[in-house]
Amino acid sequence: MELQDYFAFLDADDIRIKGTRIGIEIVLEDYLSGVSPEEIAVRYRTLTLEQVYATITYYLYNREEIDAYLARWRAYVEAAWLEQQHNPSVFVEDLRLRMQQKREMLVAERGPAYFPASPM
């Protein structure tokens, strides 16, 4: 079996571990943060230890290319988060309003020291 046979290359910015919906970025973010391959396999039960090692090996053999892939993925995630913060859904707006009302109720009942202000 070739190393690339472990992956589904959906496009230049979407590489998944074959047979799962897990992108290689998920495994590699954990690995690059110091999580052991065994712990990664425990965290993501749909992955085998073999798939985790294949992902790490693929990264080590293609470090420059995969580092660029990870940089694009991180930029995408950051942009999506910022967009969501600037244009929250109706559900999120309603949730924020309810949380603020609950906070104000607790402060009124128990005083400001009980429930400090939220950073929102």
C-alpha atoms as a PDB file:
ATOM      1  CA  MET A   1       0.000   0.000   0.000  1.00  0.00           C
ATOM      2  CA  GLU A   2       1.252   3.447  -0.906  1.00  0.00           C
ATOM      3  CA  LEU A   3       1.232   6.162   1.763  1.00  0.00           C
ATOM      4  CA  GLN A   4      -1.130   8.326  -0.301  1.00  0.00           C
ATOM      5  CA  ASP A   5      -3.661   5.479  -0.339  1.00  0.00           C
ATOM      6  CA  TYR A   6      -4.562   6.424   3.226  1.00  0.00           C
ATOM      7  CA  PHE A   7      -6.030   9.741   2.092  1.00  0.00           C
ATOM      8  CA  ALA A   8      -8.879  11.152   0.026  1.00  0.00           C
ATOM      9  CA  PHE A   9      -7.648  14.266  -1.797  1.00  0.00           C
ATOM     10  CA  LEU A  10     -10.927  16.128  -2.285  1.00  0.00           C
ATOM     11  CA  ASP A  11      -9.180  19.312  -3.419  1.00  0.00           C
ATOM     12  CA  ALA A  12      -6.018  21.290  -2.679  1.00  0.00           C
ATOM     13  CA  ASP A  13      -7.432  22.467   0.651  1.00  0.00           C
ATOM     14  CA  ASP A  14      -9.329  19.368   1.732  1.00  0.00           C
ATOM     15  CA  ILE A  15      -7.409  16.186   2.473  1.00  0.00           C
ATOM     16  CA  ARG A  16      -9.331  13.620   4.489  1.00  0.00           C
ATOM     17  CA  ILE A  17      -8.267  10.372   6.047  1.00  0.00           C
ATOM     18  CA  LYS A  18      -9.842   7.754   3.796  1.00  0.00           C
ATOM     19  CA  GLY A  19     -12.947   6.104   5.201  1.00  0.00           C
ATOM     20  CA  THR A  20     -13.554   8.960   7.661  1.00  0.00           C
ATOM     21  CA  ARG A  21     -14.716  12.557   7.618  1.00  0.00           C
ATOM     22  CA  ILE A  22     -11.588  13.633   9.502  1.00  0.00           C
ATOM     23  CA  GLY A  23      -9.216  16.020   7.770  1.00  0.00           C
ATOM     24  CA  ILE A  24      -5.485  15.576   8.199  1.00  0.00           C
ATOM     25  CA  GLU A  25      -5.359  19.002   9.847  1.00  0.00           C
ATOM     26  CA  ILE A  26      -7.198  17.630  12.883  1.00  0.00           C
ATOM     27  CA  VAL A  27      -4.602  14.917  13.494  1.00  0.00           C
ATOM     28  CA  LEU A  28      -1.689  17.209  12.673  1.00  0.00           C
ATOM     29  CA  GLU A  29      -2.847  20.040  14.946  1.00  0.00           C
ATOM     30  CA  ASP A  30      -2.862  17.589  17.844  1.00  0.00           C
ATOM     31  CA  TYR A  31       0.451  16.029  16.825  1.00  0.00           C
ATOM     32  CA  LEU A  32       2.161  19.412  16.414  1.00  0.00           C
ATOM     33  CA  SER A  33       0.828  20.409  19.845  1.00  0.00           C
ATOM     34  CA  GLY A  34       2.616  17.461  21.414  1.00  0.00           C
ATOM     35  CA  VAL A  35      -0.182  14.902  21.605  1.00  0.00           C
ATOM     36  CA  SER A  36       1.052  11.350  21.131  1.00  0.00           C
ATOM     37  CA  PRO A  37      -0.206   9.247  18.207  1.00  0.00           C
ATOM     38  CA  GLU A  38      -1.780   6.823  20.687  1.00  0.00           C
ATOM     39  CA  GLU A  39      -3.721   9.629  22.383  1.00  0.00           C
ATOM     40  CA  ILE A  40      -4.865  10.967  19.002  1.00  0.00           C
ATOM     41  CA  ALA A  41      -6.244   7.519  18.128  1.00  0.00           C
ATOM     42  CA  VAL A  42      -8.097   7.488  21.459  1.00  0.00           C
ATOM     43  CA  ARG A  43      -9.521  10.991  20.895  1.00  0.00           C
ATOM     44  CA  TYR A  44     -10.834  10.135  17.427  1.00  0.00           C
ATOM     45  CA  ARG A  45     -12.283   6.666  17.730  1.00  0.00           C
ATOM     46  CA  THR A  46     -13.003   6.348  14.016  1.00  0.00           C
ATOM     47  CA  LEU A  47      -9.250   6.444  13.356  1.00  0.00           C
ATOM     48  CA  THR A  48      -6.890   3.532  13.714  1.00  0.00           C
ATOM     49  CA  LEU A  49      -3.416   4.007  15.105  1.00  0.00           C
ATOM     50  CA  GLU A  50      -2.150   3.025  11.662  1.00  0.00           C
ATOM     51  CA  GLN A  51      -4.077   5.917  10.069  1.00  0.00           C
ATOM     52  CA  VAL A  52      -2.683   8.341  12.648  1.00  0.00           C
ATOM     53  CA  TYR A  53       0.876   7.198  11.961  1.00  0.00           C
ATOM     54  CA  ALA A  54       0.244   7.366   8.197  1.00  0.00           C
ATOM     55  CA  THR A  55      -0.917  10.977   8.567  1.00  0.00           C
ATOM     56  CA  ILE A  56       2.134  11.917  10.611  1.00  0.00           C
ATOM     57  CA  THR A  57       4.435  10.131   8.179  1.00  0.00           C
ATOM     58  CA  TYR A  58       2.789  11.883   5.228  1.00  0.00           C
ATOM     59  CA  TYR A  59       3.363  15.200   6.995  1.00  0.00           C
ATOM     60  CA  LEU A  60       7.018  14.419   7.718  1.00  0.00           C
ATOM     61  CA  TYR A  61       7.672  13.436   4.090  1.00  0.00           C
ATOM     62  CA  ASN A  62       5.857  16.494   2.708  1.00  0.00           C
ATOM     63  CA  ARG A  63       6.489  19.024   5.460  1.00  0.00           C
ATOM     64  CA  GLU A  64       6.785  22.160   3.324  1.00  0.00           C
ATOM     65  CA  GLU A  65       3.636  21.400   1.320  1.00  0.00           C
ATOM     66  CA  ILE A  66       1.606  20.360   4.367  1.00  0.00           C
ATOM     67  CA  ASP A  67       2.801  23.345   6.416  1.00  0.00           C
ATOM     68  CA  ALA A  68       1.406  25.562   3.631  1.00  0.00           C
ATOM     69  CA  TYR A  69      -1.836  23.511   3.682  1.00  0.00           C
ATOM     70  CA  LEU A  70      -2.106  23.983   7.452  1.00  0.00           C
ATOM     71  CA  ALA A  71      -1.442  27.727   7.143  1.00  0.00           C
ATOM     72  CA  ARG A  72      -4.282  28.038   4.600  1.00  0.00           C
ATOM     73  CA  TRP A  73      -6.563  25.969   6.842  1.00  0.00           C
ATOM     74  CA  ARG A  74      -5.779  28.119   9.898  1.00  0.00           C
ATOM     75  CA  ALA A  75      -6.412  31.312   7.896  1.00  0.00           C
ATOM     76  CA  TYR A  76      -9.751  29.902   6.701  1.00  0.00           C
ATOM     77  CA  VAL A  77     -10.785  28.967  10.250  1.00  0.00           C
ATOM     78  CA  GLU A  78      -9.832  32.411  11.562  1.00  0.00           C
ATOM     79  CA  ALA A  79     -11.717  34.184   8.760  1.00  0.00           C
ATOM     80  CA  ALA A  80     -14.800  32.015   9.327  1.00  0.00           C
ATOM     81  CA  TRP A  81     -14.709  32.723  13.070  1.00  0.00           C
ATOM     82  CA  LEU A  82     -14.394  36.477  12.481  1.00  0.00           C
ATOM     83  CA  GLU A  83     -17.277  36.383   9.992  1.00  0.00           C
ATOM     84  CA  GLN A  84     -19.436  34.541  12.515  1.00  0.00           C
ATOM     85  CA  GLN A  85     -18.555  37.084  15.220  1.00  0.00           C
ATOM     86  CA  HIS A  86     -19.490  39.991  12.942  1.00  0.00           C
ATOM     87  CA  ASN A  87     -22.606  38.368  11.484  1.00  0.00           C
ATOM     88  CA  PRO A  88     -23.998  35.941  14.052  1.00  0.00           C
ATOM     89  CA  SER A  89     -27.029  33.837  13.277  1.00  0.00           C
ATOM     90  CA  VAL A  90     -30.427  34.669  14.731  1.00  0.00           C
ATOM     91  CA  PHE A  91     -29.966  31.742  17.106  1.00  0.00           C
ATOM     92  CA  VAL A  92     -26.647  33.107  18.422  1.00  0.00           C
ATOM     93  CA  GLU A  93     -28.084  36.603  18.813  1.00  0.00           C
ATOM     94  CA  ASP A  94     -31.039  35.181  20.762  1.00  0.00           C
ATOM     95  CA  LEU A  95     -28.714  33.086  22.906  1.00  0.00           C
ATOM     96  CA  ARG A  96     -26.531  36.108  23.697  1.00  0.00           C
ATOM     97  CA  LEU A  97     -29.613  38.128  24.644  1.00  0.00           C
ATOM     98  CA  ARG A  98     -30.888  35.361  26.936  1.00  0.00           C
ATOM     99  CA  MET A  99     -27.475  35.013  28.575  1.00  0.00           C
ATOM    100  CA  GLN A 100     -27.313  38.768  29.166  1.00  0.00           C
ATOM    101  CA  GLN A 101     -30.806  38.768  30.681  1.00  0.00           C
ATOM    102  CA  LYS A 102     -29.876  35.863  32.964  1.00  0.00           C
ATOM    103  CA  ARG A 103     -26.692  37.646  34.014  1.00  0.00           C
ATOM    104  CA  GLU A 104     -28.623  40.837  34.804  1.00  0.00           C
ATOM    105  CA  MET A 105     -31.166  38.853  36.821  1.00  0.00           C
ATOM    106  CA  LEU A 106     -28.421  37.180  38.886  1.00  0.00           C
ATOM    107  CA  VAL A 107     -26.662  40.493  39.486  1.00  0.00           C
ATOM    108  CA  ALA A 108     -29.965  42.053  40.619  1.00  0.00           C
ATOM    109  CA  GLU A 109     -30.678  39.130  42.957  1.00  0.00           C
ATOM    110  CA  ARG A 110     -27.228  38.497  44.402  1.00  0.00           C
ATOM    111  CA  GLY A 111     -25.160  41.581  43.657  1.00  0.00           C
ATOM    112  CA  PRO A 112     -22.398  42.297  41.134  1.00  0.00           C
ATOM    113  CA  ALA A 113     -19.738  40.320  43.029  1.00  0.00           C
ATOM    114  CA  TYR A 114     -21.688  37.100  42.479  1.00  0.00           C
ATOM    115  CA  PHE A 115     -21.638  37.291  38.701  1.00  0.00           C
ATOM    116  CA  PRO A 116     -18.860  39.413  37.212  1.00  0.00           C
ATOM    117  CA  ALA A 117     -19.371  41.160  33.876  1.00  0.00           C
ATOM    118  CA  SER A 118     -18.937  39.054  30.772  1.00  0.00           C
ATOM    119  CA  PRO A 119     -16.202  39.884  28.264  1.00  0.00           C
ATOM    120  CA  MET A 120     -18.813  39.886  25.418  1.00  0.00           C
END
